[in-house]
C-alpha atoms as a PDB file:
ATOM      1  CA  MET A   1       3.781  -3.183  26.543  1.00  0.00           C
ATOM      2  CA  THR A   2       2.267  -6.408  24.367  1.00  0.00           C
ATOM      3  CA  VAL A   3       3.156  -6.683  20.496  1.00  0.00           C
ATOM      4  CA  SER A   4       1.336  -9.010  18.276  1.00  0.00           C
ATOM      5  CA  GLY A   5       1.615 -10.019  14.692  1.00  0.00           C
ATOM      6  CA  THR A   6       0.874  -6.975  12.640  1.00  0.00           C
ATOM      7  CA  ASN A   7      -3.223  -6.645  12.367  1.00  0.00           C
ATOM      8  CA  PHE A   8      -4.058  -3.674  10.045  1.00  0.00           C
ATOM      9  CA  GLY A   9      -7.470  -4.161  10.361  1.00  0.00           C
ATOM     10  CA  LYS A  10      -7.792  -3.346  14.094  1.00  0.00           C
ATOM     11  CA  ALA A  11      -6.438  -0.167  13.057  1.00  0.00           C
ATOM     12  CA  ALA A  12      -8.873   0.304   9.609  1.00  0.00           C
ATOM     13  CA  HIS A  13     -10.805   3.859  10.986  1.00  0.00           C
ATOM     14  CA  ASP A  14      -7.515   4.884  10.615  1.00  0.00           C
ATOM     15  CA  TYR A  15      -5.903   3.192   7.885  1.00  0.00           C
ATOM     16  CA  GLY A  16      -8.821   4.648   5.672  1.00  0.00           C
ATOM     17  CA  THR A  17      -9.040   8.030   7.347  1.00  0.00           C
ATOM     18  CA  PHE A  18      -5.714   9.249   7.744  1.00  0.00           C
ATOM     19  CA  ARG A  19      -3.188   7.197   5.292  1.00  0.00           C
ATOM     20  CA  ALA A  20      -2.211   8.991   2.427  1.00  0.00           C
ATOM     21  CA  GLY A  21      -3.565   6.609  -0.920  1.00  0.00           C
ATOM     22  CA  PHE A  22      -1.426   6.114  -3.851  1.00  0.00           C
ATOM     23  CA  PRO A  23      -1.316   9.965  -5.841  1.00  0.00           C
ATOM     24  CA  GLU A  24      -3.678  10.391  -8.763  1.00  0.00           C
ATOM     25  CA  SER A  25       0.164  10.903 -10.565  1.00  0.00           C
ATOM     26  CA  ILE A  26       0.506   7.287 -10.489  1.00  0.00           C
ATOM     27  CA  PHE A  27      -2.309   6.380 -12.749  1.00  0.00           C
ATOM     28  CA  ASP A  28      -1.120   9.148 -15.251  1.00  0.00           C
ATOM     29  CA  ARG A  29       2.110   7.009 -15.149  1.00  0.00           C
ATOM     30  CA  LEU A  30       0.724   3.987 -15.637  1.00  0.00           C
ATOM     31  CA  ALA A  31      -1.412   4.848 -18.364  1.00  0.00           C
ATOM     32  CA  GLU A  32       2.270   5.190 -20.157  1.00  0.00           C
ATOM     33  CA  PHE A  33       2.573   1.725 -19.667  1.00  0.00           C
ATOM     34  CA  ASP A  34      -0.529   0.491 -21.281  1.00  0.00           C
ATOM     35  CA  VAL A  35      -1.903   0.151 -17.362  1.00  0.00           C
ATOM     36  CA  GLY A  36      -5.195   1.313 -16.616  1.00  0.00           C
ATOM     37  CA  ARG A  37      -7.211   1.658 -19.500  1.00  0.00           C
ATOM     38  CA  PRO A  38     -11.034   1.799 -19.333  1.00  0.00           C
ATOM     39  CA  ASP A  39     -11.528  -1.788 -20.598  1.00  0.00           C
ATOM     40  CA  HIS A  40      -9.365  -3.370 -18.634  1.00  0.00           C
ATOM     41  CA  SER A  41      -9.765  -5.660 -15.906  1.00  0.00           C
ATOM     42  CA  VAL A  42      -8.306  -5.077 -12.588  1.00  0.00           C
ATOM     43  CA  ILE A  43      -7.404  -7.631 -10.075  1.00  0.00           C
ATOM     44  CA  ASP A  44      -5.555  -5.485  -6.706  1.00  0.00           C
ATOM     45  CA  LEU A  45      -4.040  -7.957  -4.670  1.00  0.00           C
ATOM     46  CA  GLY A  46      -3.398  -6.649  -0.811  1.00  0.00           C
ATOM     47  CA  THR A  47      -6.229  -4.157  -1.803  1.00  0.00           C
ATOM     48  CA  GLY A  48      -6.728  -2.618   2.406  1.00  0.00           C
ATOM     49  CA  THR A  49      -8.405   0.576   1.964  1.00  0.00           C
ATOM     50  CA  GLY A  50      -8.527  -0.149  -1.711  1.00  0.00           C
ATOM     51  CA  THR A  51      -6.563   3.133  -2.981  1.00  0.00           C
ATOM     52  CA  LEU A  52      -5.536   1.454  -6.207  1.00  0.00           C
ATOM     53  CA  ALA A  53      -8.587  -0.552  -6.509  1.00  0.00           C
ATOM     54  CA  ARG A  54     -10.573   2.459  -6.497  1.00  0.00           C
ATOM     55  CA  GLY A  55      -7.988   4.890  -8.525  1.00  0.00           C
ATOM     56  CA  PHE A  56      -8.658   1.803 -11.540  1.00  0.00           C
ATOM     57  CA  ALA A  57     -12.643   1.940 -11.026  1.00  0.00           C
ATOM     58  CA  LEU A  58     -12.779   6.082 -11.077  1.00  0.00           C
ATOM     59  CA  ARG A  59     -11.170   5.853 -14.399  1.00  0.00           C
ATOM     60  CA  GLY A  60     -13.671   2.872 -16.606  1.00  0.00           C
ATOM     61  CA  CYS A  61     -11.785  -0.305 -15.329  1.00  0.00           C
ATOM     62  CA  GLU A  62     -13.477  -3.594 -14.127  1.00  0.00           C
ATOM     63  CA  VAL A  63     -11.919  -3.433 -10.991  1.00  0.00           C
ATOM     64  CA  ILE A  64     -11.893  -6.550  -8.097  1.00  0.00           C
ATOM     65  CA  GLY A  65     -10.372  -6.130  -5.133  1.00  0.00           C
ATOM     66  CA  VAL A  66      -8.571  -8.729  -2.234  1.00  0.00           C
ATOM     67  CA  ASP A  67      -8.211  -8.238   1.124  1.00  0.00           C
ATOM     68  CA  PRO A  68      -7.557 -10.917   3.786  1.00  0.00           C
ATOM     69  CA  ASP A  69      -9.815  -8.636   6.311  1.00  0.00           C
ATOM     70  CA  PRO A  70     -12.903  -8.025   6.079  1.00  0.00           C
ATOM     71  CA  ARG A  71     -12.636  -4.829   8.241  1.00  0.00           C
ATOM     72  CA  MET A  72     -10.217  -3.381   5.486  1.00  0.00           C
ATOM     73  CA  ILE A  73     -12.641  -4.211   3.020  1.00  0.00           C
ATOM     74  CA  GLY A  74     -15.549  -2.434   5.125  1.00  0.00           C
ATOM     75  CA  GLU A  75     -13.634   0.336   4.885  1.00  0.00           C
ATOM     76  CA  ALA A  76     -12.862   0.578   0.809  1.00  0.00           C
ATOM     77  CA  ARG A  77     -16.746   0.467   0.430  1.00  0.00           C
ATOM     78  CA  LYS A  78     -17.379   3.503   2.599  1.00  0.00           C
ATOM     79  CA  LEU A  79     -14.681   5.058   0.717  1.00  0.00           C
ATOM     80  CA  ASP A  80     -15.862   4.028  -2.369  1.00  0.00           C
ATOM     81  CA  GLN A  81     -19.580   5.366  -1.649  1.00  0.00           C
ATOM     82  CA  GLU A  82     -17.892   8.888  -0.774  1.00  0.00           C
ATOM     83  CA  LYS A  83     -16.535   8.758  -4.363  1.00  0.00           C
ATOM     84  CA  LYS A  84     -19.485   7.114  -6.465  1.00  0.00           C
ATOM     85  CA  VAL A  85     -17.267   4.104  -8.048  1.00  0.00           C
ATOM     86  CA  SER A  86     -17.874   0.394  -7.462  1.00  0.00           C
ATOM     87  CA  VAL A  87     -15.250  -2.344  -6.955  1.00  0.00           C
ATOM     88  CA  THR A  88     -16.029  -6.078  -6.435  1.00  0.00           C
ATOM     89  CA  TYR A  89     -14.309  -7.090  -3.052  1.00  0.00           C
ATOM     90  CA  VAL A  90     -13.378 -10.553  -2.482  1.00  0.00           C
ATOM     91  CA  VAL A  91     -11.960 -11.750   1.132  1.00  0.00           C
ATOM     92  CA  ALA A  92      -9.075 -13.776   0.105  1.00  0.00           C
ATOM     93  CA  LYS A  93      -5.379 -13.539   0.294  1.00  0.00           C
ATOM     94  CA  ALA A  94      -3.296 -12.845  -2.081  1.00  0.00           C
ATOM     95  CA  GLU A  95      -1.295 -16.072  -2.662  1.00  0.00           C
ATOM     96  CA  SER A  96      -5.156 -17.834  -3.524  1.00  0.00           C
ATOM     97  CA  THR A  97      -8.044 -15.594  -4.497  1.00  0.00           C
ATOM     98  CA  GLY A  98     -10.207 -18.612  -5.983  1.00  0.00           C
ATOM     99  CA  LEU A  99     -11.043 -16.048  -8.931  1.00  0.00           C
ATOM    100  CA  ASN A 100     -10.815 -17.185 -12.297  1.00  0.00           C
ATOM    101  CA  GLY A 101      -7.757 -17.108 -14.079  1.00  0.00           C
ATOM    102  CA  GLY A 102      -6.425 -15.771 -17.243  1.00  0.00           C
ATOM    103  CA  ALA A 103      -8.968 -13.151 -16.706  1.00  0.00           C
ATOM    104  CA  ALA A 104      -6.585 -10.016 -16.019  1.00  0.00           C
ATOM    105  CA  ASP A 105      -5.355  -7.402 -18.472  1.00  0.00           C
ATOM    106  CA  VAL A 106      -3.901  -5.973 -15.377  1.00  0.00           C
ATOM    107  CA  VAL A 107      -2.831  -6.907 -11.495  1.00  0.00           C
ATOM    108  CA  THR A 108      -1.693  -4.910  -8.764  1.00  0.00           C
ATOM    109  CA  ALA A 109      -0.052  -4.652  -5.539  1.00  0.00           C
ATOM    110  CA  GLY A 110       0.331  -1.647  -3.918  1.00  0.00           C
ATOM    111  CA  GLN A 111       2.072  -1.092  -0.566  1.00  0.00           C
ATOM    112  CA  CYS A 112       1.862  -4.671   0.543  1.00  0.00           C
ATOM    113  CA  TRP A 113       4.028  -7.009  -1.682  1.00  0.00           C
ATOM    114  CA  HIS A 114       6.390  -7.398   1.358  1.00  0.00           C
ATOM    115  CA  TRP A 115       3.715  -9.453   3.224  1.00  0.00           C
ATOM    116  CA  PHE A 116       2.903 -11.462   0.817  1.00  0.00           C
ATOM    117  CA  ASP A 117       4.666 -15.346   0.154  1.00  0.00           C
ATOM    118  CA  GLN A 118       6.245 -14.015  -2.894  1.00  0.00           C
ATOM    119  CA  PRO A 119       6.906 -17.170  -4.586  1.00  0.00           C
ATOM    120  CA  ARG A 120       3.127 -18.358  -3.905  1.00  0.00           C
ATOM    121  CA  ALA A 121       1.872 -14.625  -4.977  1.00  0.00           C
ATOM    122  CA  ILE A 122       3.777 -14.625  -8.213  1.00  0.00           C
ATOM    123  CA  ALA A 123       2.088 -17.942  -8.917  1.00  0.00           C
ATOM    124  CA  GLU A 124      -1.034 -16.849  -8.695  1.00  0.00           C
ATOM    125  CA  VAL A 125      -0.656 -13.668 -10.406  1.00  0.00           C
ATOM    126  CA  ILE A 126       0.686 -15.231 -13.535  1.00  0.00           C
ATOM    127  CA  ARG A 127      -2.710 -17.751 -13.211  1.00  0.00           C
ATOM    128  CA  LEU A 128      -4.837 -14.778 -13.177  1.00  0.00           C
ATOM    129  CA  LEU A 129      -2.924 -12.651 -15.787  1.00  0.00           C
ATOM    130  CA  LYS A 130      -4.093 -13.044 -19.598  1.00  0.00           C
ATOM    131  CA  PRO A 131      -1.232 -13.532 -21.947  1.00  0.00           C
ATOM    132  CA  GLY A 132       0.448  -9.875 -22.231  1.00  0.00           C
ATOM    133  CA  GLY A 133      -1.091  -8.876 -19.259  1.00  0.00           C
ATOM    134  CA  LYS A 134       0.823  -6.606 -16.598  1.00  0.00           C
ATOM    135  CA  LEU A 135       1.452  -6.917 -12.753  1.00  0.00           C
ATOM    136  CA  VAL A 136       1.925  -3.451 -11.195  1.00  0.00           C
ATOM    137  CA  ILE A 137       3.770  -3.774  -7.830  1.00  0.00           C
ATOM    138  CA  ALA A 138       3.676  -0.426  -6.163  1.00  0.00           C
ATOM    139  CA  ASN A 139       4.328   1.458  -3.052  1.00  0.00           C
ATOM    140  CA  PHE A 140       4.022   4.675  -1.455  1.00  0.00           C
ATOM    141  CA  ASP A 141       6.521   5.102   1.557  1.00  0.00           C
ATOM    142  CA  TRP A 142       7.865   8.453   3.546  1.00  0.00           C
ATOM    143  CA  LEU A 143      11.342   9.488   3.651  1.00  0.00           C
ATOM    144  CA  PRO A 144      13.149   9.519   6.848  1.00  0.00           C
ATOM    145  CA  LEU A 145      15.864  12.279   6.210  1.00  0.00           C
ATOM    146  CA  ALA A 146      17.905  14.023   8.744  1.00  0.00           C
ATOM    147  CA  ARG A 147      16.184  15.235  11.412  1.00  0.00           C
ATOM    148  CA  ASN A 148      12.959  15.064   9.420  1.00  0.00           C
ATOM    149  CA  VAL A 149       9.081  14.095  10.920  1.00  0.00           C
ATOM    150  CA  VAL A 150       9.371  10.863   9.947  1.00  0.00           C
ATOM    151  CA  GLU A 151      13.109  10.272  11.261  1.00  0.00           C
ATOM    152  CA  ALA A 152      11.842  11.204  14.379  1.00  0.00           C
ATOM    153  CA  THR A 153       8.485   9.198  13.992  1.00  0.00           C
ATOM    154  CA  GLU A 154      10.448   6.176  13.078  1.00  0.00           C
ATOM    155  CA  GLU A 155      12.900   6.310  16.354  1.00  0.00           C
ATOM    156  CA  LEU A 156       9.681   6.451  18.737  1.00  0.00           C
ATOM    157  CA  ILE A 157       8.061   3.867  16.984  1.00  0.00           C
ATOM    158  CA  ILE A 158      11.325   1.313  17.527  1.00  0.00           C
ATOM    159  CA  ARG A 159      11.133   2.999  21.577  1.00  0.00           C
ATOM    160  CA  TYR A 160       7.777   0.917  21.667  1.00  0.00           C
ATOM    161  CA  ASN A 161       8.607  -2.040  18.797  1.00  0.00           C
ATOM    162  CA  PRO A 162      12.462  -2.653  18.805  1.00  0.00           C
ATOM    163  CA  ASP A 163      10.934  -6.021  16.192  1.00  0.00           C
ATOM    164  CA  TRP A 164       9.843  -3.665  13.798  1.00  0.00           C
ATOM    165  CA  HIS A 165      12.267  -3.522  10.849  1.00  0.00           C
ATOM    166  CA  PHE A 166      10.990  -1.427   8.074  1.00  0.00           C
ATOM    167  CA  GLY A 167      12.280   1.612   9.161  1.00  0.00           C
ATOM    168  CA  GLY A 168      15.100   3.706   7.183  1.00  0.00           C
ATOM    169  CA  GLY A 169      14.172   2.891   3.890  1.00  0.00           C
ATOM    170  CA  LEU A 170      14.453   4.214   0.540  1.00  0.00           C
ATOM    171  CA  GLY A 171      11.427   3.417  -0.964  1.00  0.00           C
ATOM    172  CA  MET A 172      12.727   2.081  -3.489  1.00  0.00           C
ATOM    173  CA  TYR A 173      12.119  -1.907  -3.953  1.00  0.00           C
ATOM    174  CA  PRO A 174      14.670  -3.374  -6.857  1.00  0.00           C
ATOM    175  CA  GLN A 175      15.169  -6.592  -4.745  1.00  0.00           C
ATOM    176  CA  TYR A 176      11.795  -7.827  -6.164  1.00  0.00           C
ATOM    177  CA  LEU A 177      12.957  -7.803  -9.806  1.00  0.00           C
ATOM    178  CA  SER A 178      14.969 -11.312  -9.321  1.00  0.00           C
ATOM    179  CA  ASN A 179      11.591 -13.266  -8.520  1.00  0.00           C
ATOM    180  CA  LEU A 180       9.686 -11.847 -10.900  1.00  0.00           C
ATOM    181  CA  SER A 181      12.452 -12.651 -13.767  1.00  0.00           C
ATOM    182  CA  GLU A 182      13.355 -16.163 -12.575  1.00  0.00           C
ATOM    183  CA  ALA A 183       9.543 -16.715 -12.358  1.00  0.00           C
ATOM    184  CA  GLY A 184       9.306 -16.032 -16.285  1.00  0.00           C
ATOM    185  CA  LEU A 185       7.721 -12.480 -16.257  1.00  0.00           C
ATOM    186  CA  ARG A 186       9.154 -10.153 -18.908  1.00  0.00           C
ATOM    187  CA  ASP A 187      10.065  -6.555 -19.890  1.00  0.00           C
ATOM    188  CA  LEU A 188      10.500  -5.124 -16.258  1.00  0.00           C
ATOM    189  CA  GLN A 189      10.457  -2.006 -16.047  1.00  0.00           C
ATOM    190  CA  THR A 190      10.323   0.564 -13.233  1.00  0.00           C
ATOM    191  CA  PHE A 191       9.698   4.110 -12.500  1.00  0.00           C
ATOM    192  CA  SER A 192      10.295   6.142  -9.098  1.00  0.00           C
ATOM    193  CA  TYR A 193       9.648  10.111  -8.271  1.00  0.00           C
ATOM    194  CA  ASP A 194       9.011  12.127  -5.514  1.00  0.00           C
ATOM    195  CA  MET A 195       6.667  14.344  -3.300  1.00  0.00           C
ATOM    196  CA  ASP A 196       5.658  16.045  -0.222  1.00  0.00           C
ATOM    197  CA  VAL A 197       2.527  15.080   1.227  1.00  0.00           C
ATOM    198  CA  PRO A 198       0.907  17.857   3.354  1.00  0.00           C
ATOM    199  CA  TYR A 199      -0.309  16.327   6.963  1.00  0.00           C
ATOM    200  CA  THR A 200      -1.518  17.675   9.963  1.00  0.00           C
ATOM    201  CA  PRO A 201       0.188  16.936  13.109  1.00  0.00           C
ATOM    202  CA  ALA A 202      -3.443  14.980  13.995  1.00  0.00           C
ATOM    203  CA  ALA A 203      -3.403  13.874  10.645  1.00  0.00           C
ATOM    204  CA  TRP A 204      -0.084  12.488  11.450  1.00  0.00           C
ATOM    205  CA  ARG A 205      -0.700  10.680  14.439  1.00  0.00           C
ATOM    206  CA  GLY A 206      -3.126   9.157  12.897  1.00  0.00           C
ATOM    207  CA  ARG A 207      -1.328   7.724   9.880  1.00  0.00           C
ATOM    208  CA  ILE A 208       1.130   6.434  12.727  1.00  0.00           C
ATOM    209  CA  ARG A 209      -1.669   4.396  14.391  1.00  0.00           C
ATOM    210  CA  ALA A 210      -2.434   2.581  11.247  1.00  0.00           C
ATOM    211  CA  SER A 211       1.818   2.076  10.686  1.00  0.00           C
ATOM    212  CA  ALA A 212       3.056  -2.174  11.061  1.00  0.00           C
ATOM    213  CA  GLY A 213       4.987  -0.319  13.801  1.00  0.00           C
ATOM    214  CA  VAL A 214       2.365   0.933  15.911  1.00  0.00           C
ATOM    215  CA  ALA A 215      -0.659  -1.537  14.683  1.00  0.00           C
ATOM    216  CA  ALA A 216       0.767  -4.483  16.312  1.00  0.00           C
ATOM    217  CA  LEU A 217       1.129  -2.978  19.698  1.00  0.00           C
ATOM    218  CA  ASP A 218      -1.590  -3.426  21.961  1.00  0.00           C
ATOM    219  CA  ALA A 219      -4.570  -0.768  22.538  1.00  0.00           C
ATOM    220  CA  ASP A 220      -2.883   0.639  25.786  1.00  0.00           C
ATOM    221  CA  ALA A 221       1.087   1.041  23.993  1.00  0.00           C
ATOM    222  CA  VAL A 222      -1.466   2.848  20.953  1.00  0.00           C
ATOM    223  CA  HIS A 223      -2.864   5.234  23.162  1.00  0.00           C
ATOM    224  CA  GLU A 224       1.108   5.979  25.248  1.00  0.00           C
ATOM    225  CA  PHE A 225       2.338   5.970  22.225  1.00  0.00           C
ATOM    226  CA  ASP A 226       0.201   8.594  20.352  1.00  0.00           C
ATOM    227  CA  LYS A 227       0.101  10.306  23.328  1.00  0.00           C
ATOM    228  CA  ASP A 228       4.802  10.908  23.192  1.00  0.00           C
ATOM    229  CA  LEU A 229       3.777  11.261  19.516  1.00  0.00           C
ATOM    230  CA  ALA A 230       1.927  14.246  20.103  1.00  0.00           C
ATOM    231  CA  GLU A 231       4.347  15.817  22.537  1.00  0.00           C
ATOM    232  CA  LEU A 232       6.964  15.410  20.252  1.00  0.00           C
ATOM    233  CA  LEU A 233       5.609  16.969  16.999  1.00  0.00           C
ATOM    234  CA  SER A 234       4.626  19.985  19.714  1.00  0.00           C
ATOM    235  CA  ALA A 235       8.315  20.336  20.618  1.00  0.00           C
ATOM    236  CA  ARG A 236      10.371  20.222  17.225  1.00  0.00           C
ATOM    237  CA  PHE A 237       7.386  19.601  14.806  1.00  0.00           C
ATOM    238  CA  SER A 238       4.635  22.332  15.576  1.00  0.00           C
ATOM    239  CA  ALA A 239       3.826  23.620  12.067  1.00  0.00           C
ATOM    240  CA  SER A 240      -0.479  23.471  11.070  1.00  0.00           C
ATOM    241  CA  VAL A 241       0.977  21.795   8.317  1.00  0.00           C
ATOM    242  CA  LEU A 242       3.622  19.397   7.694  1.00  0.00           C
ATOM    243  CA  ALA A 243       4.947  18.442   4.253  1.00  0.00           C
ATOM    244  CA  VAL A 244       6.498  14.803   5.127  1.00  0.00           C
ATOM    245  CA  PRO A 245       8.352  13.880   2.012  1.00  0.00           C
ATOM    246  CA  HIS A 246       7.373  10.539   0.131  1.00  0.00           C
ATOM    247  CA  ARG A 247       8.564   8.082  -2.704  1.00  0.00           C
ATOM    248  CA  VAL A 248       6.828   6.638  -5.229  1.00  0.00           C
ATOM    249  CA  PHE A 249       8.105   3.610  -6.796  1.00  0.00           C
ATOM    250  CA  ALA A 250       6.328   1.051  -9.105  1.00  0.00           C
ATOM    251  CA  ILE A 251       7.487  -1.955 -11.147  1.00  0.00           C
ATOM    252  CA  VAL A 252       5.501  -2.933 -14.113  1.00  0.00           C
ATOM    253  CA  ALA A 253       5.983  -6.757 -15.595  1.00  0.00           C
ATOM    254  CA  GLU A 254       4.331  -8.546 -18.248  1.00  0.00           C
ATOM    255  CA  SER A 255       2.905 -12.243 -18.629  1.00  0.00           C
ATOM    256  CA  ASN A 256       4.455 -14.427 -21.141  1.00  0.00           C
ATOM    257  CA  GLY A 257       1.571 -16.176 -20.999  1.00  0.00           C
ATOM    258  CA  ARG A 258       2.731 -19.445 -19.960  1.00  0.00           C
END
């Protein structure tokens, strides 16, 4: 098999179809931090298929989604049309968006902060935010628990892609906090909570094809992996709907206006 650099764009359809977006509840929680008011201007970095961007737009925010892969933005636009909502998209990297500075009430990064050059991304966030504006770093991760479907799936991913190193996670990222503080962001706050996400076996297979560990494989390896995952699910997790445990984790930080 061949493993290449992770390329979510080639799995954009699976990503848009099967990968669970952030739950509605995260927007209610963020509202408690004065994030996502209808008059807010939001820039969503690493927007992917636009799950955060669309959620804020549905709440009346003016939203720009930024992603380096036009295929992901294409999927985002399709999903926006289904929801009858408007988001402006820009093909660019999070570290250098080309957008006007000092104009955003909120900058978000959902499920993507680990992919960025973080010092450069933080500098760009500070440039984009208004004084007192908020940065939100959010994750919505599956949880590998003893003998559950996530643990078994991660073991299979590692068989195909030994270089994949995102397995075994806790879904919480306190390591991001120090860089934010050192860059001058203030009033750092976090929250987390757990929930189950229902997947049919077919949808879980699609979700995993859109994961970093499998998206890095060549097409033949993805096909073989998917066959093995189907057999694993049939043998060990044969329920018609799988309740897959997930954890929401978010950091909210405020710009000091420098």
